Amino acid sequence: STHFHRGNPSFYTGEAIFGVLSHFLTRSAPLAERVAAATARMQAVPGLLAQARANVRAAPAAWTERALRECAGAIAFLTRGVGALGGNDLGGTPAFADAARVAAAAFEDLRSYLTNELMGHDTGRYACGAEAFSLLLRHGHFVERDAEELARWAEDEMREAEADLEAHVADTGASTWREALARLADHHPSASGYYRRFDELRDACRDEVERHRLLTWVDWPLRFVPQPSWAREAAPYLYFLPYRSPPRSTHRSHMNIWSLRSRRLCPPTEPNGSCASRTTASSS
């Protein structure tokens, strides 16, 4: 299939950078072990990205554009981000710094290839085909409807939703529903209430879930913390999921199934704020 290593350059770029960066989003092992593992992975980056260049000779433009974004994020982390890690006494070893430079250079080389060669070989082929899509619907998403039936249902739902928006747009004081939606950009907490708002929305979700008896909400501490300073320049270019950061426990015995889900990274409001929690840990 050309949807994976034979036709998707971001298959390589995302794995290459998160294989390194993920070691510093958690304290799942002693620092020296994580630095050694990250160093080894950075040393392997040139070989992995060379495979991308050899295997992917044509690709849909959007996939190449995503790989280019990931190259930009990787280079930001491997240069300035790694420097910030060293300033925080993380990764400040000569071998680590040398490996970061080698990996950054490999991403630069791949970025040149993506820009100057692969972008000129846009296949425009995104579809996986009816057979593969049907298999994914049935076994990946447990949907019994076939693709055509699902498309008809979705179109009906879209028409119904748009009609509902048109019918109630006057309630918002806007002239069109598009104008009403645009106004949502101005609906946000103040800077001082930003981190607290994560807790408020979590609690509101829990109240709705319990009121409608949708599921059993398990009690465990859920903390929202800003992204670490060293990751902030790279994060907008990467598939940076907030739940990819388990708690910063220093003991393996603490890494149980519940604690793994207790820490969520959120975009910071301050440019150089610490990674300390800005909200209170609660039982929800």
Protein backbone atom coordinates (compact mmCIF):
# COMPACT_ATOMS: atom_id res chain seq x y z
CA SER A 1 0.00 0.00 0.00
CA THR A 2 1.18 3.53 -0.78
CA HIS A 3 -0.52 4.78 2.39
CA PHE A 4 2.41 3.75 4.55
CA HIS A 5 6.16 3.46 4.09
CA ARG A 6 6.04 3.24 0.30
CA GLY A 7 4.10 6.43 -0.35
CA ASN A 8 3.76 8.60 2.74
CA PRO A 9 6.83 10.65 3.79
CA SER A 10 5.25 11.66 7.10
CA PHE A 11 5.30 7.97 8.05
CA TYR A 12 9.04 8.53 8.57
CA THR A 13 9.24 12.11 9.85
CA GLY A 14 6.71 11.74 12.65
CA GLU A 15 8.23 8.54 13.98
CA ALA A 16 11.75 9.93 13.76
CA ILE A 17 11.10 13.02 15.86
CA PHE A 18 8.65 11.59 18.41
CA GLY A 19 10.97 8.66 18.97
CA VAL A 20 13.38 11.20 20.46
CA LEU A 21 11.13 13.89 21.90
CA SER A 22 8.92 11.45 23.81
CA HIS A 23 11.80 10.52 26.13
CA PHE A 24 11.59 13.95 27.77
CA LEU A 25 7.83 14.17 28.21
CA THR A 26 7.96 11.66 31.05
CA ARG A 27 10.27 10.42 33.79
CA SER A 28 9.52 6.80 33.09
CA ALA A 29 13.22 5.93 33.56
CA PRO A 30 16.28 7.57 35.14
CA LEU A 31 17.52 10.59 33.20
CA ALA A 32 20.77 8.91 32.12
CA GLU A 33 18.85 6.04 30.54
CA ARG A 34 16.54 8.37 28.68
CA VAL A 35 19.41 10.50 27.41
CA ALA A 36 21.23 7.38 26.19
CA ALA A 37 18.10 6.09 24.44
CA ALA A 38 17.42 9.48 22.82
CA THR A 39 21.05 9.71 21.70
CA ALA A 40 20.86 6.29 20.05
CA ARG A 41 17.66 7.21 18.29
CA MET A 42 19.05 10.50 17.00
CA GLN A 43 22.08 8.64 15.67
CA ALA A 44 19.66 6.37 13.78
CA VAL A 45 17.67 9.24 12.25
CA PRO A 46 19.87 9.66 9.13
CA GLY A 47 19.38 6.01 8.18
CA LEU A 48 15.62 6.18 8.70
CA LEU A 49 15.22 9.37 6.66
CA ALA A 50 17.44 7.95 3.93
CA GLN A 51 14.90 5.13 3.64
CA ALA A 52 12.15 7.73 3.24
CA ARG A 53 13.98 9.27 0.32
CA ALA A 54 14.63 5.88 -1.29
CA ASN A 55 11.13 4.47 -0.80
CA VAL A 56 8.88 7.49 -1.39
CA ARG A 57 9.36 8.77 -4.93
CA ALA A 58 5.83 10.15 -5.37
CA ALA A 59 3.13 11.12 -2.85
CA PRO A 60 -0.04 13.17 -2.47
CA ALA A 61 0.84 16.83 -1.90
CA ALA A 62 -0.89 17.05 1.49
CA TRP A 63 1.21 14.20 2.86
CA THR A 64 4.38 15.85 1.62
CA GLU A 65 3.28 19.14 3.18
CA ARG A 66 2.71 17.39 6.51
CA ALA A 67 6.18 15.85 6.32
CA LEU A 68 7.61 19.31 5.64
CA ARG A 69 5.87 20.67 8.74
CA GLU A 70 7.26 17.81 10.79
CA CYS A 71 10.74 18.52 9.43
CA ALA A 72 10.38 22.13 10.60
CA GLY A 73 9.27 20.99 14.08
CA ALA A 74 12.05 18.41 14.28
CA ILE A 75 14.72 20.95 13.32
CA ALA A 76 13.37 23.41 15.89
CA PHE A 77 13.60 20.77 18.61
CA LEU A 78 16.98 19.35 17.56
CA THR A 79 18.57 22.81 17.56
CA ARG A 80 16.97 25.34 19.87
CA GLY A 81 14.84 22.84 21.83
CA VAL A 82 17.83 20.67 22.64
CA GLY A 83 19.65 23.81 23.75
CA ALA A 84 16.83 24.50 26.20
CA LEU A 85 17.05 20.93 27.47
CA GLY A 86 20.74 21.42 28.14
CA GLY A 87 19.95 24.61 30.02
CA ASN A 88 17.63 22.60 32.23
CA ASP A 89 20.33 20.00 32.93
CA LEU A 90 18.62 17.59 30.55
CA GLY A 91 20.54 16.04 27.73
CA GLY A 92 23.62 18.19 28.32
CA THR A 93 26.19 15.59 27.23
CA PRO A 94 28.57 15.96 24.26
CA ALA A 95 27.33 12.74 22.62
CA PHE A 96 23.73 13.91 22.94
CA ALA A 97 24.53 17.31 21.40
CA ASP A 98 26.53 15.73 18.57
CA ALA A 99 23.71 13.29 17.80
CA ALA A 100 21.21 16.15 17.75
CA ARG A 101 23.30 18.01 15.18
CA VAL A 102 23.54 14.90 13.00
CA ALA A 103 19.78 14.31 13.20
CA ALA A 104 19.01 17.98 12.46
CA ALA A 105 21.20 17.82 9.37
CA ALA A 106 19.36 14.71 8.21
CA PHE A 107 16.03 16.49 8.56
CA GLU A 108 17.43 19.44 6.62
CA ASP A 109 18.48 17.08 3.80
CA LEU A 110 15.05 15.44 3.73
CA ARG A 111 13.32 18.82 3.75
CA SER A 112 15.32 19.78 0.66
CA TYR A 113 14.28 16.56 -1.07
CA LEU A 114 10.62 17.04 -0.15
CA THR A 115 10.63 20.64 -1.37
CA ASN A 116 12.66 20.30 -4.53
CA GLU A 117 11.73 16.83 -5.75
CA LEU A 118 8.79 15.12 -4.06
CA MET A 119 6.45 18.12 -4.24
CA GLY A 120 6.85 17.89 -8.00
CA HIS A 121 5.54 14.31 -8.01
CA ASP A 122 2.05 14.78 -6.59
CA THR A 123 0.01 11.63 -7.15
CA GLY A 124 -3.23 13.15 -5.91
CA ARG A 125 -4.22 9.65 -4.79
CA TYR A 126 -5.55 9.72 -1.23
CA ALA A 127 -8.25 7.06 -1.42
CA CYS A 128 -7.44 3.63 -0.04
CA GLY A 129 -10.06 1.92 -2.22
CA ALA A 130 -13.53 0.56 -1.53
CA GLU A 131 -12.37 -2.80 -0.21
CA ALA A 132 -9.87 -1.40 2.30
CA PHE A 133 -12.28 1.35 3.39
CA SER A 134 -15.05 -1.17 3.99
CA LEU A 135 -12.68 -3.32 6.03
CA LEU A 136 -11.68 -0.29 8.13
CA LEU A 137 -15.32 0.65 8.76
CA ARG A 138 -16.27 -2.85 9.87
CA HIS A 139 -13.26 -3.87 11.91
CA GLY A 140 -11.63 -0.55 12.81
CA HIS A 141 -14.75 1.43 13.73
CA PHE A 142 -17.32 -1.38 14.13
CA VAL A 143 -19.73 0.32 11.71
CA GLU A 144 -22.19 -2.06 10.08
CA ARG A 145 -23.39 0.38 7.39
CA ASP A 146 -21.63 0.28 4.04
CA ALA A 147 -19.81 3.36 2.77
CA GLU A 148 -22.59 4.54 0.44
CA GLU A 149 -25.25 4.26 3.14
CA LEU A 150 -22.97 6.07 5.58
CA ALA A 151 -22.38 8.90 3.07
CA ARG A 152 -26.15 9.34 2.53
CA TRP A 153 -26.75 9.45 6.28
CA ALA A 154 -23.99 12.03 6.76
CA GLU A 155 -25.36 14.26 3.99
CA ASP A 156 -28.84 14.10 5.53
CA GLU A 157 -27.42 15.03 8.93
CA MET A 158 -25.50 17.96 7.43
CA ARG A 159 -28.61 19.31 5.74
CA GLU A 160 -30.59 18.99 8.97
CA ALA A 161 -27.87 20.71 10.99
CA GLU A 162 -27.59 23.60 8.52
CA ALA A 163 -31.37 24.07 8.52
CA ASP A 164 -31.31 24.20 12.33
CA LEU A 165 -28.56 26.82 12.25
CA GLU A 166 -30.51 28.92 9.76
CA ALA A 167 -33.66 28.68 11.87
CA HIS A 168 -31.96 29.86 15.07
CA VAL A 169 -29.33 32.29 13.82
CA ALA A 170 -31.46 35.28 14.88
CA ASP A 171 -31.18 34.08 18.49
CA THR A 172 -27.48 34.97 18.40
CA GLY A 173 -27.93 38.47 17.01
CA ALA A 174 -26.04 37.55 13.83
CA SER A 175 -27.35 37.79 10.28
CA THR A 176 -25.98 34.40 9.16
CA TRP A 177 -24.89 31.24 10.95
CA ARG A 178 -21.40 31.69 9.50
CA GLU A 179 -21.18 35.08 11.20
CA ALA A 180 -22.38 33.51 14.45
CA LEU A 181 -19.70 30.83 14.27
CA ALA A 182 -17.03 33.44 13.52
CA ARG A 183 -17.94 35.22 16.74
CA LEU A 184 -16.93 32.14 18.73
CA ALA A 185 -13.31 33.24 18.30
CA ASP A 186 -14.04 36.02 20.79
CA HIS A 187 -15.53 33.60 23.31
CA HIS A 188 -12.60 32.57 25.49
CA PRO A 189 -11.42 32.90 29.09
CA SER A 190 -9.20 35.72 30.23
CA ALA A 191 -5.47 35.12 30.50
CA SER A 192 -5.78 34.89 34.28
CA GLY A 193 -8.57 32.30 34.02
CA TYR A 194 -7.06 30.26 31.17
CA TYR A 195 -5.64 27.33 33.13
CA ARG A 196 -8.59 27.26 35.53
CA ARG A 197 -10.92 26.93 32.54
CA PHE A 198 -9.55 23.46 31.76
CA ASP A 199 -10.73 22.30 35.20
CA GLU A 200 -14.10 23.99 34.78
CA LEU A 201 -14.80 22.33 31.44
CA ARG A 202 -13.64 18.95 32.73
CA ASP A 203 -16.04 19.23 35.66
CA ALA A 204 -18.88 20.34 33.38
CA CYS A 205 -18.29 17.32 31.14
CA ARG A 206 -18.33 15.03 34.13
CA ASP A 207 -21.63 16.53 35.35
CA GLU A 208 -23.25 15.96 31.95
CA VAL A 209 -21.93 12.41 31.70
CA GLU A 210 -23.25 11.50 35.13
CA ARG A 211 -26.57 13.32 34.64
CA HIS A 212 -27.28 11.33 31.48
CA ARG A 213 -25.76 8.12 32.88
CA LEU A 214 -23.51 7.75 29.82
CA LEU A 215 -20.70 5.92 31.57
CA THR A 216 -18.99 5.42 34.92
CA TRP A 217 -16.50 8.23 35.50
CA VAL A 218 -13.44 6.84 37.25
CA ASP A 219 -11.88 9.01 39.95
CA TRP A 220 -8.23 9.89 39.46
CA PRO A 221 -6.25 13.15 39.58
CA LEU A 222 -6.23 14.95 36.24
CA ARG A 223 -3.78 17.84 35.97
CA PHE A 224 -3.46 20.33 33.13
CA VAL A 225 0.05 21.71 32.76
CA PRO A 226 1.72 23.96 30.17
CA GLN A 227 3.91 22.44 27.52
CA PRO A 228 7.57 22.48 28.64
CA SER A 229 9.47 25.45 27.27
CA TRP A 230 11.84 23.31 25.22
CA ALA A 231 8.92 21.79 23.24
CA ARG A 232 6.95 24.92 22.47
CA GLU A 233 8.59 25.98 19.22
CA ALA A 234 8.35 22.48 17.77
CA ALA A 235 4.86 21.58 19.03
CA PRO A 236 2.76 23.53 16.45
CA TYR A 237 4.40 21.61 13.62
CA LEU A 238 3.89 18.15 15.13
CA TYR A 239 1.02 15.84 15.95
CA PHE A 240 1.46 16.88 19.57
CA LEU A 241 -1.31 15.17 21.51
CA PRO A 242 -1.90 16.37 25.09
CA TYR A 243 -2.27 12.82 26.40
CA ARG A 244 1.17 11.82 25.07
CA SER A 245 2.64 12.99 28.35
CA PRO A 246 2.22 10.63 31.31
CA PRO A 247 3.00 11.94 34.81
CA ARG A 248 6.57 12.88 35.67
CA SER A 249 6.98 10.14 38.24
CA THR A 250 10.53 9.19 39.20
CA HIS A 251 9.53 5.69 40.28
CA ARG A 252 8.46 2.88 37.99
CA SER A 253 6.07 1.58 40.65
CA HIS A 254 4.04 4.77 40.28
CA MET A 255 3.39 4.21 36.57
CA ASN A 256 0.13 2.33 36.86
CA ILE A 257 -2.77 2.45 34.40
CA TRP A 258 -4.50 5.31 36.23
CA SER A 259 -1.49 7.54 36.78
CA LEU A 260 -0.60 7.21 33.09
CA ARG A 261 -3.72 9.18 32.30
CA SER A 262 -3.40 11.94 34.86
CA ARG A 263 -1.35 14.59 33.04
CA ARG A 264 -2.36 16.67 30.02
CA LEU A 265 -0.22 19.25 28.27
CA CYS A 266 -1.87 22.48 27.18
CA PRO A 267 -0.53 25.43 25.16
CA PRO A 268 0.92 28.02 27.55
CA THR A 269 -0.16 31.64 27.86
CA GLU A 270 3.26 32.80 29.02
CA PRO A 271 6.24 32.52 26.65
CA ASN A 272 8.70 31.07 29.14
CA GLY A 273 6.55 29.66 31.92
CA SER A 274 7.63 26.58 33.81
CA CYS A 275 6.16 23.14 33.37
CA ALA A 276 4.59 23.27 36.82
CA SER A 277 0.87 22.65 37.09
CA ARG A 278 -1.27 25.79 36.89
CA THR A 279 -4.39 24.04 38.12
CA THR A 280 -5.27 22.12 41.22
CA ALA A 281 -5.27 18.33 41.15
CA SER A 282 -8.75 17.08 41.90
CA SER A 283 -10.44 13.73 42.23
CA SER A 284 -11.95 14.08 38.75
